[in-house]
Amino acid sequence: MFRKAVIWLHKWLGIITGIIVFLVSLSGAVYCFQDELKLVVYTDRYMLPSSEQSMPTRPLSELLDVAKSQLADGQDVSRIDLYPARDRNWVFRAVGTDEQALGHWNYFRYYKRIFVNPYNAEVVGIEDSKNEFFQLVLQLHMNLLLGKTYGHAVVGYSTAIFVVLLLSGIVLWWPKNRKPKTLKRSFWFNARVKWKRLNYDLHNVLGFYSFFIALLLCVTGLVFSFPGFKKIYLGFFDRMTSEAQTETHPQLGERIPSIHPDALDNTVIFLLNKYPEAGMMSIRLRDAEEPLIDVQIRMEEGRSGNFKWYYVRRKTLQIEKIIQSEDLKGGAKMAALNYDLHTGNIGGFGTKLLACLIALFCASLPVTGYILWWHKAKMRRKTYKK
């Protein structure tokens, strides 16, 4: 009776969410290597010729003015990604959204990336990110191109249902017969059997091997989707660890040298000189009235969980606060690592490849599941006619 109930639940939840799981999983697999692929596909936008790498960096305020000049009225730069490596252009993002709009092209009123050579202030490319391939893949993954308000909820609830499918799938996979032949079929498939049996084995075997990593990808995805779940999830890790100790950084209270009139220019020059080996630095532009400037320094470009975050007082150039990923514990540590865990960035190329393969396995499960359902329905119709 219990097994029949699990089969019924597994079947109908899979039918309802199968297409969504397929699209989210497939887009996630593609997006795993977007950082590497962008440098190959858009080399001219991101990379600089070696002949210009010996020049001094122009002030950020000058580069920002150049980037803003490429935008239409009513559009503004909201974020800057800059790179200490001297072979990279800097990226100025301009984003405007309508949070309540339905559909990707209505949600983004505009989304542009302006690529600027930091050594001669030349604009090397303007990207319509609203229609750029990898951005479309990301939005398909996060909200099915339906916009944040509607699509985000659909993906979030479908992910939660997929967790139930994974758990019920393990119950159904569990071998009742412990004979060697049966056990072998539970862990491997025979490509020489008929396609119906092969499809069934693929669904079972790939589901089993995907289970633990797929569950991790789902849980980290739910952290992005539901603030309530995030609070419970991070609270669990807070209770599992001792209270984080407040680290006193030796630079706190230090004043950054004032070389330029603009406080952000001075902050950027100071951090570029201090962390020349960092992967990238990210700045979210605040109003000029905001008392603090904050700059996130990713020590590795592809990992958001390995960082230092500087807060500098705008008027005095005094370093007010420094948050370092190595000082975080418990829930705060898991929150910092969530993106890296979700995308496979946590361990470099190997874990990214693993996350990509598991995402492809997950994309295959609705396909093999629909085929199983279609075949059984067809057999029932034949039996009914007889």
Protein backbone atom coordinates (compact mmCIF):
# COMPACT_ATOMS: atom_id res chain seq x y z
CA MET A 1 0.00 0.00 0.00
CA PHE A 2 2.78 2.41 0.94
CA ARG A 3 4.70 1.65 -2.26
CA LYS A 4 1.58 2.20 -4.38
CA ALA A 5 1.04 5.58 -2.75
CA VAL A 6 4.67 6.54 -3.41
CA ILE A 7 4.34 5.44 -7.07
CA TRP A 8 1.17 7.53 -7.48
CA LEU A 9 2.80 10.58 -5.87
CA HIS A 10 6.02 10.18 -7.90
CA LYS A 11 4.12 9.82 -11.17
CA TRP A 12 1.80 12.81 -10.84
CA LEU A 13 4.32 15.20 -9.34
CA GLY A 14 6.68 14.24 -12.18
CA ILE A 15 3.99 14.82 -14.82
CA ILE A 16 3.10 18.23 -13.37
CA THR A 17 6.66 19.57 -13.03
CA GLY A 18 8.56 17.52 -15.62
CA ILE A 19 8.86 20.20 -18.31
CA ILE A 20 9.96 22.80 -15.75
CA VAL A 21 12.56 20.45 -14.24
CA PHE A 22 13.87 19.69 -17.74
CA LEU A 23 14.26 23.38 -18.66
CA VAL A 24 15.77 24.41 -15.31
CA SER A 25 18.21 21.48 -15.27
CA LEU A 26 19.32 21.88 -18.89
CA SER A 27 19.84 25.64 -18.55
CA GLY A 28 21.74 25.04 -15.30
CA ALA A 29 24.07 22.59 -17.04
CA VAL A 30 24.82 25.13 -19.77
CA TYR A 31 25.37 27.95 -17.28
CA CYS A 32 27.93 25.98 -15.23
CA PHE A 33 30.70 26.98 -17.65
CA GLN A 34 29.46 30.42 -18.64
CA ASP A 35 32.53 32.19 -17.20
CA GLU A 36 34.90 30.13 -19.34
CA LEU A 37 32.68 30.18 -22.43
CA LYS A 38 32.27 33.95 -22.37
CA LEU A 39 36.02 34.47 -22.56
CA VAL A 40 36.10 32.25 -25.65
CA VAL A 41 32.97 33.54 -27.39
CA TYR A 42 33.44 37.23 -26.48
CA THR A 43 37.23 37.45 -26.40
CA ASP A 44 37.35 40.98 -27.87
CA ARG A 45 35.00 42.31 -25.20
CA TYR A 46 36.70 40.82 -22.16
CA MET A 47 40.38 40.56 -23.10
CA LEU A 48 42.97 43.24 -23.86
CA PRO A 49 45.87 43.12 -26.33
CA SER A 50 49.24 42.80 -24.62
CA SER A 51 50.50 46.07 -26.14
CA GLU A 52 48.27 48.17 -23.86
CA GLN A 53 48.89 46.35 -20.58
CA SER A 54 51.88 48.46 -19.49
CA MET A 55 49.93 51.74 -19.34
CA PRO A 56 48.70 53.18 -16.01
CA THR A 57 45.05 52.67 -15.07
CA ARG A 58 42.77 55.66 -15.67
CA PRO A 59 40.70 56.95 -12.70
CA LEU A 60 37.48 55.02 -12.27
CA SER A 61 35.40 58.22 -12.31
CA GLU A 62 36.72 58.98 -15.82
CA LEU A 63 35.92 55.46 -17.04
CA LEU A 64 32.46 55.69 -15.46
CA ASP A 65 31.73 58.94 -17.32
CA VAL A 66 32.78 57.26 -20.57
CA ALA A 67 30.48 54.32 -19.90
CA LYS A 68 27.55 56.58 -19.00
CA SER A 69 27.96 58.49 -22.25
CA GLN A 70 26.99 55.31 -24.12
CA LEU A 71 23.61 55.08 -22.39
CA ALA A 72 20.26 56.57 -23.35
CA ASP A 73 18.47 59.16 -21.24
CA GLY A 74 17.01 57.60 -18.10
CA GLN A 75 19.58 54.79 -18.03
CA ASP A 76 22.40 54.62 -15.49
CA VAL A 77 25.29 52.39 -14.45
CA SER A 78 24.52 50.45 -11.26
CA ARG A 79 27.48 48.08 -10.95
CA ILE A 80 31.12 47.90 -12.02
CA ASP A 81 33.22 44.74 -12.36
CA LEU A 82 36.92 45.49 -12.56
CA TYR A 83 39.92 43.20 -12.78
CA PRO A 84 43.37 43.62 -11.25
CA ALA A 85 44.78 41.41 -14.04
CA ARG A 86 46.12 43.70 -16.72
CA ASP A 87 44.76 41.71 -19.65
CA ARG A 88 41.08 42.43 -18.93
CA ASN A 89 38.62 45.15 -19.85
CA TRP A 90 36.39 46.52 -17.11
CA VAL A 91 32.63 45.98 -17.25
CA PHE A 92 30.01 48.63 -16.43
CA ARG A 93 26.49 47.27 -15.96
CA ALA A 94 23.34 49.32 -16.47
CA VAL A 95 20.12 47.60 -15.38
CA GLY A 96 16.55 48.82 -15.10
CA THR A 97 13.71 46.47 -14.09
CA ASP A 98 9.97 46.40 -13.55
CA GLU A 99 9.62 43.98 -10.64
CA GLN A 100 5.92 43.27 -11.24
CA ALA A 101 6.14 42.73 -15.01
CA LEU A 102 5.28 39.41 -16.61
CA GLY A 103 7.89 38.11 -19.07
CA HIS A 104 11.63 38.58 -19.40
CA TRP A 105 11.46 41.41 -21.96
CA ASN A 106 8.97 43.34 -19.83
CA TYR A 107 10.83 42.68 -16.57
CA PHE A 108 14.07 44.19 -17.95
CA ARG A 109 13.36 47.70 -19.17
CA TYR A 110 17.01 47.80 -20.19
CA TYR A 111 20.13 45.75 -19.44
CA LYS A 112 23.47 46.70 -20.95
CA ARG A 113 27.13 45.95 -20.31
CA ILE A 114 29.66 48.53 -21.47
CA PHE A 115 33.20 47.17 -21.83
CA VAL A 116 35.87 49.84 -21.32
CA ASN A 117 39.63 49.60 -21.71
CA PRO A 118 40.87 50.83 -18.27
CA TYR A 119 44.18 52.09 -19.71
CA ASN A 120 42.98 54.37 -22.52
CA ALA A 121 39.26 54.81 -21.61
CA GLU A 122 38.17 53.42 -24.97
CA VAL A 123 34.81 51.68 -25.25
CA VAL A 124 35.53 48.28 -26.79
CA GLY A 125 32.01 46.89 -26.78
CA ILE A 126 28.39 47.48 -25.79
CA GLU A 127 26.37 44.37 -25.04
CA ASP A 128 22.59 44.17 -25.11
CA SER A 129 22.55 41.83 -22.12
CA LYS A 130 18.76 41.66 -22.20
CA ASN A 131 19.08 39.47 -25.31
CA GLU A 132 22.54 37.97 -24.74
CA PHE A 133 22.61 34.16 -24.89
CA PHE A 134 24.09 33.40 -21.46
CA GLN A 135 21.84 35.97 -19.77
CA LEU A 136 18.81 34.34 -21.41
CA VAL A 137 20.05 30.95 -20.17
CA LEU A 138 20.38 32.37 -16.63
CA GLN A 139 16.91 33.91 -16.68
CA LEU A 140 15.46 30.67 -18.06
CA HIS A 141 17.09 28.86 -15.15
CA MET A 142 15.90 31.31 -12.50
CA ASN A 143 12.43 32.23 -13.72
CA LEU A 144 11.63 30.52 -17.06
CA LEU A 145 11.84 33.94 -18.77
CA LEU A 146 8.60 34.90 -17.00
CA GLY A 147 10.06 37.70 -14.89
CA LYS A 148 11.00 37.66 -11.23
CA THR A 149 7.60 37.93 -9.52
CA TYR A 150 5.91 35.08 -11.37
CA GLY A 151 8.69 32.92 -12.80
CA HIS A 152 10.80 32.87 -9.65
CA ALA A 153 7.90 31.40 -7.69
CA VAL A 154 7.16 28.75 -10.34
CA VAL A 155 10.79 27.62 -10.40
CA GLY A 156 11.04 27.69 -6.60
CA TYR A 157 7.96 25.53 -5.99
CA SER A 158 8.92 23.17 -8.83
CA THR A 159 12.35 22.74 -7.21
CA ALA A 160 10.69 21.91 -3.89
CA ILE A 161 8.52 19.32 -5.66
CA PHE A 162 11.63 17.90 -7.33
CA VAL A 163 13.10 17.30 -3.86
CA VAL A 164 10.02 15.18 -3.11
CA LEU A 165 10.53 13.38 -6.43
CA LEU A 166 14.14 12.61 -5.54
CA LEU A 167 13.19 11.21 -2.15
CA SER A 168 10.28 9.17 -3.50
CA GLY A 169 12.50 8.00 -6.36
CA ILE A 170 15.02 6.55 -3.92
CA VAL A 171 12.20 4.69 -2.16
CA LEU A 172 11.09 3.21 -5.50
CA TRP A 173 14.66 2.46 -6.57
CA TRP A 174 15.44 0.50 -3.39
CA PRO A 175 15.83 -3.16 -4.50
CA LYS A 176 13.23 -5.53 -3.01
CA ASN A 177 15.02 -8.52 -4.48
CA ARG A 178 18.65 -8.77 -3.34
CA LYS A 179 19.72 -11.28 -6.00
CA PRO A 180 22.98 -10.30 -7.78
CA LYS A 181 21.26 -9.78 -11.16
CA THR A 182 18.64 -7.47 -9.64
CA LEU A 183 21.25 -5.54 -7.67
CA LYS A 184 23.37 -5.12 -10.77
CA ARG A 185 20.42 -3.59 -12.65
CA SER A 186 19.91 -1.16 -9.79
CA PHE A 187 23.45 0.19 -10.15
CA TRP A 188 24.11 -0.19 -13.88
CA PHE A 189 22.20 -0.57 -17.13
CA ASN A 190 22.64 -3.01 -19.99
CA ALA A 191 22.69 -1.20 -23.34
CA ARG A 192 21.84 -4.45 -25.19
CA VAL A 193 18.34 -4.82 -23.76
CA LYS A 194 15.19 -3.60 -25.54
CA TRP A 195 14.67 0.15 -25.55
CA LYS A 196 11.74 0.02 -23.12
CA ARG A 197 13.83 -1.80 -20.54
CA LEU A 198 16.80 0.47 -21.26
CA ASN A 199 14.63 3.55 -20.70
CA TYR A 200 13.42 2.13 -17.37
CA ASP A 201 16.97 1.29 -16.27
CA LEU A 202 18.25 4.72 -17.29
CA HIS A 203 15.54 6.39 -15.21
CA ASN A 204 16.41 4.26 -12.19
CA VAL A 205 20.19 4.25 -12.44
CA LEU A 206 20.70 7.91 -13.37
CA GLY A 207 18.23 8.88 -10.68
CA PHE A 208 20.23 6.96 -8.08
CA TYR A 209 23.62 8.36 -9.08
CA SER A 210 22.21 11.88 -9.27
CA PHE A 211 20.49 11.75 -5.90
CA PHE A 212 22.97 13.29 -3.44
CA ILE A 213 24.39 16.02 -5.72
CA ALA A 214 20.94 16.77 -7.18
CA LEU A 215 19.58 17.15 -3.65
CA LEU A 216 22.41 19.58 -2.85
CA LEU A 217 21.68 21.60 -6.01
CA CYS A 218 17.99 21.72 -5.09
CA VAL A 219 18.57 22.80 -1.50
CA THR A 220 20.98 25.56 -2.51
CA GLY A 221 18.48 26.64 -5.17
CA LEU A 222 15.71 26.84 -2.55
CA VAL A 223 17.96 29.13 -0.50
CA PHE A 224 17.82 31.60 -3.41
CA SER A 225 14.06 31.13 -3.88
CA PHE A 226 12.56 31.32 -0.40
CA PRO A 227 13.76 33.73 2.32
CA GLY A 228 11.91 31.69 4.96
CA PHE A 229 13.70 28.49 3.97
CA LYS A 230 17.00 30.37 3.85
CA LYS A 231 16.50 31.56 7.43
CA ILE A 232 15.80 28.01 8.67
CA TYR A 233 18.66 26.52 6.63
CA LEU A 234 21.25 29.04 7.82
CA GLY A 235 19.91 28.89 11.36
CA PHE A 236 20.59 25.15 11.39
CA PHE A 237 24.28 25.74 10.67
CA ASP A 238 24.40 28.54 13.23
CA ARG A 239 23.21 26.09 15.88
CA MET A 240 25.78 23.53 14.74
CA THR A 241 28.73 25.87 15.27
CA SER A 242 30.00 28.05 18.05
CA GLU A 243 29.32 31.74 17.82
CA ALA A 244 31.58 33.50 15.32
CA GLN A 245 34.39 35.49 16.85
CA THR A 246 34.70 39.10 15.81
CA GLU A 247 38.04 39.48 14.07
CA THR A 248 39.90 42.76 14.45
CA HIS A 249 41.58 43.56 11.16
CA PRO A 250 44.79 45.57 11.43
CA GLN A 251 43.61 47.95 8.67
CA LEU A 252 40.46 49.07 10.50
CA GLY A 253 40.63 52.81 11.11
CA GLU A 254 43.38 53.25 8.53
CA ARG A 255 42.96 56.18 6.14
CA ILE A 256 43.32 55.56 2.44
CA PRO A 257 45.75 58.02 0.73
CA SER A 258 43.93 60.87 -1.00
CA ILE A 259 45.36 61.18 -4.50
CA HIS A 260 42.25 62.16 -6.50
CA PRO A 261 39.28 64.38 -5.62
CA ASP A 262 36.88 61.43 -5.93
CA ALA A 263 36.70 59.09 -2.91
CA LEU A 264 35.84 56.05 -5.06
CA ASP A 265 38.90 56.64 -7.25
CA ASN A 266 41.14 56.64 -4.17
CA THR A 267 39.48 53.51 -2.77
CA VAL A 268 39.90 51.59 -6.03
CA ILE A 269 43.57 52.59 -6.44
CA PHE A 270 44.29 51.52 -2.86
CA LEU A 271 42.62 48.11 -3.28
CA LEU A 272 44.17 47.43 -6.71
CA ASN A 273 47.61 48.03 -5.24
CA LYS A 274 46.87 45.96 -2.14
CA TYR A 275 45.30 42.95 -3.96
CA PRO A 276 46.98 42.75 -7.39
CA GLU A 277 46.41 38.97 -7.51
CA ALA A 278 42.66 39.10 -6.80
CA GLY A 279 40.29 37.64 -9.37
CA MET A 280 37.96 40.62 -9.62
CA MET A 281 36.42 43.51 -7.70
CA SER A 282 32.76 44.41 -7.74
CA ILE A 283 31.28 47.79 -6.88
CA ARG A 284 27.58 48.53 -6.53
CA LEU A 285 27.20 52.26 -7.03
CA ARG A 286 25.42 54.11 -4.23
CA ASP A 287 24.04 57.62 -4.01
CA ALA A 288 26.64 60.30 -3.41
CA GLU A 289 24.92 61.01 -0.06
CA GLU A 290 25.61 57.49 1.19
CA PRO A 291 28.30 57.73 3.89
CA LEU A 292 30.05 54.45 2.98
CA ILE A 293 31.65 53.06 -0.16
CA ASP A 294 31.69 49.26 -0.32
CA VAL A 295 33.84 47.12 -2.59
CA GLN A 296 33.74 43.33 -2.78
CA ILE A 297 37.06 41.69 -3.67
CA ARG A 298 36.77 38.15 -5.00
CA MET A 299 40.09 36.48 -4.43
CA GLU A 300 39.23 34.00 -7.21
CA GLU A 301 37.21 35.30 -10.14
CA GLY A 302 34.95 32.26 -10.42
CA ARG A 303 34.21 31.91 -6.70
CA SER A 304 31.91 34.28 -4.86
CA GLY A 305 32.54 32.58 -1.50
CA ASN A 306 36.20 33.58 -1.21
CA PHE A 307 36.15 37.33 -0.66
CA LYS A 308 37.05 40.42 1.31
CA TRP A 309 34.50 43.21 1.59
CA TYR A 310 35.77 46.71 2.36
CA TYR A 311 33.58 49.52 3.70
CA VAL A 312 35.22 52.93 3.46
CA ARG A 313 33.85 56.21 4.83
CA ARG A 314 33.35 58.52 1.87
CA LYS A 315 34.28 61.83 3.51
CA THR A 316 37.35 60.78 5.49
CA LEU A 317 38.54 57.74 3.46
CA GLN A 318 38.75 55.81 6.73
CA ILE A 319 38.33 52.02 6.52
CA GLU A 320 35.22 51.44 8.61
CA LYS A 321 34.71 47.69 8.29
CA ILE A 322 36.24 44.64 6.58
CA ILE A 323 34.34 41.38 6.18
CA GLN A 324 36.45 38.38 5.19
CA SER A 325 35.06 35.03 4.10
CA GLU A 326 37.65 33.15 6.17
CA ASP A 327 36.28 34.76 9.36
CA LEU A 328 32.68 33.64 8.72
CA LYS A 329 31.21 30.67 10.54
CA GLY A 330 27.97 28.73 10.63
CA GLY A 331 25.07 30.15 8.64
CA ALA A 332 27.02 33.17 7.42
CA LYS A 333 29.69 30.85 5.98
CA MET A 334 27.07 28.70 4.23
CA ALA A 335 25.35 31.79 2.83
CA ALA A 336 28.66 32.94 1.35
CA LEU A 337 29.28 29.51 -0.18
CA ASN A 338 25.75 28.94 -1.48
CA TYR A 339 26.39 30.20 -5.03
CA ASP A 340 29.62 28.21 -5.32
CA LEU A 341 27.86 25.05 -4.11
CA HIS A 342 24.94 25.58 -6.46
CA THR A 343 27.06 26.13 -9.56
CA GLY A 344 29.87 23.68 -8.74
CA ASN A 345 32.45 26.48 -8.43
CA ILE A 346 33.36 25.30 -4.94
CA GLY A 347 36.21 23.02 -6.06
CA GLY A 348 37.19 24.34 -9.49
CA PHE A 349 36.86 22.59 -12.84
CA GLY A 350 36.22 19.11 -11.41
CA THR A 351 33.22 20.08 -9.29
CA LYS A 352 31.84 22.30 -12.07
CA LEU A 353 31.98 19.35 -14.44
CA LEU A 354 30.28 17.17 -11.84
CA ALA A 355 27.50 19.75 -11.33
CA CYS A 356 27.07 20.02 -15.11
CA LEU A 357 26.78 16.24 -15.55
CA ILE A 358 24.33 15.87 -12.65
CA ALA A 359 22.22 18.69 -14.07
CA LEU A 360 22.13 16.83 -17.40
CA PHE A 361 21.15 13.62 -15.58
CA CYS A 362 18.35 15.56 -13.86
CA ALA A 363 17.21 16.91 -17.24
CA SER A 364 17.01 13.32 -18.52
CA LEU A 365 14.75 12.12 -15.68
CA PRO A 366 11.56 13.87 -16.89
CA VAL A 367 12.23 12.58 -20.42
CA THR A 368 12.63 8.93 -19.40
CA GLY A 369 9.80 9.37 -16.88
CA TYR A 370 7.38 10.69 -19.53
CA ILE A 371 8.30 7.78 -21.81
CA LEU A 372 7.57 5.32 -18.98
CA TRP A 373 4.21 6.98 -18.32
CA TRP A 374 3.32 7.08 -22.04
CA HIS A 375 4.19 3.39 -22.52
CA LYS A 376 2.17 2.26 -19.49
CA ALA A 377 -0.81 4.37 -20.56
CA LYS A 378 -0.59 2.82 -24.01
CA MET A 379 -0.55 -0.68 -22.54
CA ARG A 380 -3.58 0.13 -20.36
CA ARG A 381 -5.52 1.36 -23.40
CA LYS A 382 -4.74 -1.90 -25.24
CA THR A 383 -5.88 -3.95 -22.24
CA TYR A 384 -9.08 -1.90 -21.95
CA LYS A 385 -9.96 -2.45 -25.63
CA LYS A 386 -9.55 -6.19 -25.22
